[in-house]
């Protein structure tokens, strides 16, 4: 089946990013969210990003206009009925995702591919609530989606080889480098990354290093583009924490136990850039300062 119509559930940062890339590459996209305000904010954000591309002569004005014309907003899941591919990109909670896929399974065509953007939750578990688990796959995009080149594809126990191949083909059209992971807790990338972020939080909590020293240690000593604490702020502290909880619960290995400070920050709502406060405080002028409250 040729994929032309993509339906994205979740109008936040990830969903909007996936939508932007997809409409730019010629797909017809419906972006769904329960909140009309979130949808409109995402539409404005996508329009601004594409306008910047026009200003930098990376695309022509008519190409930008055509891309925006391929974007539709919807607050009803019923509109997923005609989609060839549905990508779920909501909050990283298994029960909420399963509720969404239970509904989608009744709405979507049987030959449609259902995909989750989960960064850590078992694809086999999520596929257990749909009628055709062979057509269910993990498609883990990385934030910010328009700039990050990786797509992590995850097959559950029932995912067919045809579905994996289709996901790889879509990823290639979106300009992504695709890697394939088995359905293991947090897959490949977050299995590597999240424990490092957790260790950085332990270092901060224990007073072994300051926020800036820990991040500088990674950027200058390990040649990483940004430090683990700044990266957690960018991706969302709640997302990193949820992935760590999955690894810890699924493996039972105490080395993956989340740092106490991690849990406290999530409970406080200090989730990084999206809330304006995480390991750093983000100011309206684009600057950031260390969150002194953590000390």
Protein backbone atom coordinates (compact mmCIF):
# COMPACT_ATOMS: atom_id res chain seq x y z
CA UNK A 1 0.00 0.00 0.00
CA UNK A 2 1.27 3.43 -0.91
CA UNK A 3 1.34 5.84 2.03
CA UNK A 4 -0.04 9.25 1.15
CA UNK A 5 -2.25 10.31 4.07
CA UNK A 6 -0.71 10.55 7.55
CA UNK A 7 -2.73 11.16 10.69
CA UNK A 8 -0.85 12.36 13.78
CA UNK A 9 -2.41 12.09 17.24
CA UNK A 10 -0.95 14.70 19.58
CA UNK A 11 -0.42 18.32 18.59
CA UNK A 12 2.48 19.08 20.93
CA UNK A 13 6.16 19.55 20.13
CA UNK A 14 6.71 16.05 18.72
CA UNK A 15 3.46 15.80 16.78
CA UNK A 16 3.93 19.24 15.23
CA UNK A 17 7.52 18.41 14.31
CA UNK A 18 6.51 15.18 12.59
CA UNK A 19 3.72 17.03 10.78
CA UNK A 20 6.12 19.74 9.56
CA UNK A 21 8.54 17.23 8.09
CA UNK A 22 5.75 15.19 6.52
CA UNK A 23 3.99 18.07 4.76
CA UNK A 24 7.34 19.36 3.53
CA UNK A 25 7.99 15.99 1.89
CA UNK A 26 4.62 15.90 0.14
CA UNK A 27 2.42 13.93 2.51
CA UNK A 28 -1.13 15.02 3.29
CA UNK A 29 -1.24 15.34 7.07
CA UNK A 30 -4.02 15.67 9.62
CA UNK A 31 -2.79 16.85 13.02
CA UNK A 32 -5.10 15.86 15.87
CA UNK A 33 -5.38 17.06 19.44
CA UNK A 34 -8.16 17.46 22.00
CA UNK A 35 -7.23 21.13 22.36
CA UNK A 36 -8.05 23.53 19.54
CA UNK A 37 -5.65 26.04 21.12
CA UNK A 38 -2.75 23.57 20.95
CA UNK A 39 -3.56 22.78 17.33
CA UNK A 40 -3.62 26.44 16.35
CA UNK A 41 -0.38 27.09 18.23
CA UNK A 42 1.24 24.20 16.36
CA UNK A 43 -0.05 25.45 13.01
CA UNK A 44 1.40 28.90 13.68
CA UNK A 45 4.68 27.36 14.78
CA UNK A 46 4.96 25.23 11.64
CA UNK A 47 4.14 28.23 9.46
CA UNK A 48 6.87 30.28 11.16
CA UNK A 49 9.45 27.51 10.76
CA UNK A 50 8.69 27.13 7.05
CA UNK A 51 8.74 30.91 6.60
CA UNK A 52 12.27 30.92 8.01
CA UNK A 53 13.21 28.28 5.45
CA UNK A 54 11.90 30.57 2.72
CA UNK A 55 13.87 33.52 4.13
CA UNK A 56 17.03 31.40 4.13
CA UNK A 57 16.26 30.28 0.56
CA UNK A 58 16.00 26.63 1.58
CA UNK A 59 12.58 26.45 -0.05
CA UNK A 60 10.49 28.66 -2.32
CA UNK A 61 7.40 30.55 -1.19
CA UNK A 62 5.16 28.47 -3.44
CA UNK A 63 6.62 25.29 -1.93
CA UNK A 64 5.88 26.58 1.56
CA UNK A 65 2.32 27.51 0.58
CA UNK A 66 1.79 24.07 -0.96
CA UNK A 67 3.13 22.38 2.18
CA UNK A 68 0.82 24.35 4.48
CA UNK A 69 -2.11 23.49 2.21
CA UNK A 70 -1.41 19.81 2.90
CA UNK A 71 -1.93 20.34 6.65
CA UNK A 72 -5.35 19.82 8.22
CA UNK A 73 -6.23 20.26 11.90
CA UNK A 74 -8.77 18.06 13.70
CA UNK A 75 -9.96 17.57 17.26
CA UNK A 76 -11.87 14.36 16.38
CA UNK A 77 -10.28 10.91 16.10
CA UNK A 78 -13.03 9.91 13.65
CA UNK A 79 -11.14 11.77 10.93
CA UNK A 80 -8.46 9.05 11.03
CA UNK A 81 -10.74 6.74 9.05
CA UNK A 82 -9.12 7.53 5.70
CA UNK A 83 -5.49 7.57 6.90
CA UNK A 84 -2.87 5.24 5.46
CA UNK A 85 -0.61 5.76 8.48
CA UNK A 86 -1.47 6.91 11.99
CA UNK A 87 1.32 8.09 14.28
CA UNK A 88 0.53 8.52 17.98
CA UNK A 89 2.63 11.19 19.70
CA UNK A 90 0.92 11.85 23.02
CA UNK A 91 2.24 11.82 26.59
CA UNK A 92 4.52 8.90 27.52
CA UNK A 93 1.95 6.89 29.52
CA UNK A 94 1.12 3.36 28.41
CA UNK A 95 -2.53 3.33 29.52
CA UNK A 96 -3.32 6.60 27.73
CA UNK A 97 -1.67 5.35 24.55
CA UNK A 98 -3.57 2.06 24.73
CA UNK A 99 -6.84 3.92 25.15
CA UNK A 100 -6.09 5.93 22.01
CA UNK A 101 -5.14 2.83 20.00
CA UNK A 102 -8.22 0.93 21.17
CA UNK A 103 -10.34 3.69 19.67
CA UNK A 104 -8.22 3.99 16.53
CA UNK A 105 -8.42 0.24 15.92
CA UNK A 106 -12.18 0.58 15.47
CA UNK A 107 -11.90 3.70 13.31
CA UNK A 108 -9.01 2.99 10.95
CA UNK A 109 -8.94 0.74 7.91
CA UNK A 110 -7.59 -2.72 8.62
CA UNK A 111 -4.73 -2.19 6.17
CA UNK A 112 -3.66 1.11 7.76
CA UNK A 113 -0.38 1.16 9.66
CA UNK A 114 -0.64 2.20 13.30
CA UNK A 115 2.57 3.58 14.80
CA UNK A 116 3.62 4.91 18.18
CA UNK A 117 6.26 7.56 18.71
CA UNK A 118 6.96 6.12 22.17
CA UNK A 119 10.56 6.44 23.31
CA UNK A 120 10.46 3.52 25.73
CA UNK A 121 7.13 1.67 26.09
CA UNK A 122 6.82 -1.88 24.74
CA UNK A 123 5.45 -1.97 21.21
CA UNK A 124 4.12 -5.48 21.86
CA UNK A 125 2.15 -4.18 24.84
CA UNK A 126 0.69 -1.26 22.90
CA UNK A 127 -0.21 -3.49 19.94
CA UNK A 128 -2.16 -5.86 22.19
CA UNK A 129 -5.24 -3.60 22.03
CA UNK A 130 -5.49 -3.36 18.22
CA UNK A 131 -7.22 -5.73 15.82
CA UNK A 132 -4.29 -6.13 13.44
CA UNK A 133 -1.03 -6.10 15.44
CA UNK A 134 0.94 -7.14 12.35
CA UNK A 135 0.38 -3.57 11.10
CA UNK A 136 1.58 -1.99 14.37
CA UNK A 137 5.09 -0.54 14.68
CA UNK A 138 7.19 1.84 16.74
CA UNK A 139 8.37 4.96 14.92
CA UNK A 140 10.44 6.91 17.43
CA UNK A 141 11.34 10.34 16.11
CA UNK A 142 13.80 12.58 17.93
CA UNK A 143 13.32 16.18 19.04
CA UNK A 144 13.43 18.62 17.36
CA UNK A 145 12.08 16.45 14.54
CA UNK A 146 12.89 18.81 11.62
CA UNK A 147 16.59 18.82 12.58
CA UNK A 148 17.25 15.39 14.08
CA UNK A 149 18.10 12.87 11.37
CA UNK A 150 17.34 9.63 13.21
CA UNK A 151 14.21 7.47 13.15
CA UNK A 152 14.23 4.47 15.48
CA UNK A 153 11.90 1.74 14.17
CA UNK A 154 10.73 -0.91 16.62
CA UNK A 155 8.88 -4.12 15.82
CA UNK A 156 6.71 -5.88 18.37
CA UNK A 157 6.31 -9.64 18.54
CA UNK A 158 3.52 -9.51 15.94
CA UNK A 159 4.83 -6.74 13.67
CA UNK A 160 5.24 -8.00 10.11
CA UNK A 161 8.37 -7.56 8.02
CA UNK A 162 6.22 -5.70 5.50
CA UNK A 163 5.28 -3.15 8.15
CA UNK A 164 8.91 -2.68 9.17
CA UNK A 165 9.84 -2.20 5.50
CA UNK A 166 7.04 0.34 5.03
CA UNK A 167 8.19 2.31 8.10
CA UNK A 168 11.75 2.37 6.75
CA UNK A 169 10.51 3.58 3.37
CA UNK A 170 8.53 6.39 5.02
CA UNK A 171 11.53 7.33 7.14
CA UNK A 172 13.76 7.51 4.07
CA UNK A 173 11.27 9.79 2.27
CA UNK A 174 11.28 12.03 5.36
CA UNK A 175 15.06 12.26 5.08
CA UNK A 176 15.77 10.19 8.19
CA UNK A 177 18.46 7.62 8.87
CA UNK A 178 16.54 4.57 10.07
CA UNK A 179 17.73 2.07 12.64
CA UNK A 180 15.74 -0.99 13.72
CA UNK A 181 15.51 -2.13 17.32
CA UNK A 182 14.04 -5.18 18.97
CA UNK A 183 11.22 -4.52 21.41
CA UNK A 184 13.41 -4.11 24.48
CA UNK A 185 12.94 -1.52 27.29
CA UNK A 186 13.79 1.95 25.90
CA UNK A 187 15.06 0.36 22.66
CA UNK A 188 18.55 1.41 21.49
CA UNK A 189 19.06 5.16 21.83
CA UNK A 190 17.36 5.79 25.15
CA UNK A 191 18.88 2.64 26.59
CA UNK A 192 22.21 4.38 25.97
CA UNK A 193 21.20 7.96 26.70
CA UNK A 194 18.78 7.97 29.62
CA UNK A 195 21.08 6.20 32.11
CA UNK A 196 23.75 8.79 31.27
CA UNK A 197 21.29 11.61 32.00
CA UNK A 198 20.31 9.88 35.23
CA UNK A 199 23.97 9.61 36.25
CA UNK A 200 24.39 13.33 35.53
CA UNK A 201 21.43 14.05 37.83
CA UNK A 202 23.01 11.84 40.54
CA UNK A 203 26.26 13.82 40.17
CA UNK A 204 24.37 17.09 40.59
CA UNK A 205 22.27 15.80 43.49
CA UNK A 206 25.36 14.49 45.28
CA UNK A 207 27.19 17.79 44.88
CA UNK A 208 30.01 16.19 42.90
CA UNK A 209 29.68 18.76 40.14
CA UNK A 210 27.66 21.85 39.27
CA UNK A 211 25.12 21.99 36.44
CA UNK A 212 27.52 23.86 34.15
CA UNK A 213 30.53 21.72 35.06
CA UNK A 214 28.67 18.47 34.37
CA UNK A 215 27.44 19.74 31.01
CA UNK A 216 30.85 21.18 30.11
CA UNK A 217 32.40 17.84 30.98
CA UNK A 218 30.26 16.20 28.32
CA UNK A 219 30.64 18.88 25.65
CA UNK A 220 34.36 19.51 26.06
CA UNK A 221 35.49 16.13 27.35
CA UNK A 222 33.25 13.77 25.38
CA UNK A 223 32.69 16.02 22.35
CA UNK A 224 28.90 15.89 22.77
CA UNK A 225 26.99 18.76 21.13
CA UNK A 226 25.31 19.57 24.45
CA UNK A 227 25.52 18.36 28.02
CA UNK A 228 23.16 15.72 29.46
CA UNK A 229 21.31 18.17 31.72
CA UNK A 230 20.71 20.67 28.92
CA UNK A 231 19.65 17.79 26.69
CA UNK A 232 17.15 16.61 29.30
CA UNK A 233 15.73 20.13 29.37
CA UNK A 234 15.38 20.16 25.59
CA UNK A 235 13.69 16.77 25.24
CA UNK A 236 11.58 17.14 28.37
CA UNK A 237 12.58 15.99 31.84
CA UNK A 238 9.30 14.09 32.18
CA UNK A 239 10.05 12.17 28.97
CA UNK A 240 13.52 11.15 30.13
CA UNK A 241 12.18 10.23 33.56
CA UNK A 242 9.37 8.12 32.09
CA UNK A 243 11.87 6.23 29.92
CA UNK A 244 14.07 5.59 32.94
CA UNK A 245 11.10 4.30 34.93
CA UNK A 246 10.30 1.86 32.13
CA UNK A 247 13.88 0.54 32.02
CA UNK A 248 14.03 0.22 35.80
CA UNK A 249 10.65 -1.51 36.06
CA UNK A 250 11.15 -3.86 33.13
CA UNK A 251 14.71 -4.92 33.94
CA UNK A 252 14.57 -4.74 37.74
CA UNK A 253 18.20 -3.63 37.64
CA UNK A 254 18.95 -1.17 40.51
CA UNK A 255 21.51 0.67 38.39
CA UNK A 256 18.57 2.21 36.51
CA UNK A 257 16.88 3.57 39.68
CA UNK A 258 15.94 7.21 38.99
CA UNK A 259 17.74 9.88 40.96
CA UNK A 260 15.53 11.44 43.64
CA UNK A 261 16.08 14.89 42.16
CA UNK A 262 14.71 13.63 38.84
CA UNK A 263 11.43 12.61 40.51
CA UNK A 264 11.22 15.87 42.47
CA UNK A 265 11.59 17.97 39.33
CA UNK A 266 8.80 16.08 37.55
CA UNK A 267 6.53 16.50 40.57
CA UNK A 268 7.33 20.23 40.69
CA UNK A 269 6.53 20.63 37.00
CA UNK A 270 10.08 21.71 36.20
CA UNK A 271 10.18 19.91 32.87
CA UNK A 272 12.75 21.91 30.94
CA UNK A 273 12.34 24.25 27.99
CA UNK A 274 8.64 23.55 27.53
CA UNK A 275 7.87 24.91 31.01
CA UNK A 276 10.67 27.48 31.05
CA UNK A 277 12.38 25.84 33.99
CA UNK A 278 14.42 22.68 34.40
CA UNK A 279 18.11 22.34 35.13
CA UNK A 280 18.28 25.79 33.58
CA UNK A 281 15.82 28.69 33.52
CA UNK A 282 14.91 29.86 30.01
CA UNK A 283 14.27 33.56 29.51
CA UNK A 284 12.14 35.34 26.92
CA UNK A 285 15.20 36.92 25.31
CA UNK A 286 16.52 33.45 24.42
CA UNK A 287 19.14 33.29 27.16
CA UNK A 288 19.33 30.71 29.92
CA UNK A 289 20.73 30.68 33.45
CA UNK A 290 21.31 27.87 35.91
CA UNK A 291 18.27 26.97 38.02
CA UNK A 292 19.66 28.02 41.41
CA UNK A 293 16.66 26.48 43.20
CA UNK A 294 18.16 23.04 42.56
CA UNK A 295 21.07 23.94 44.82
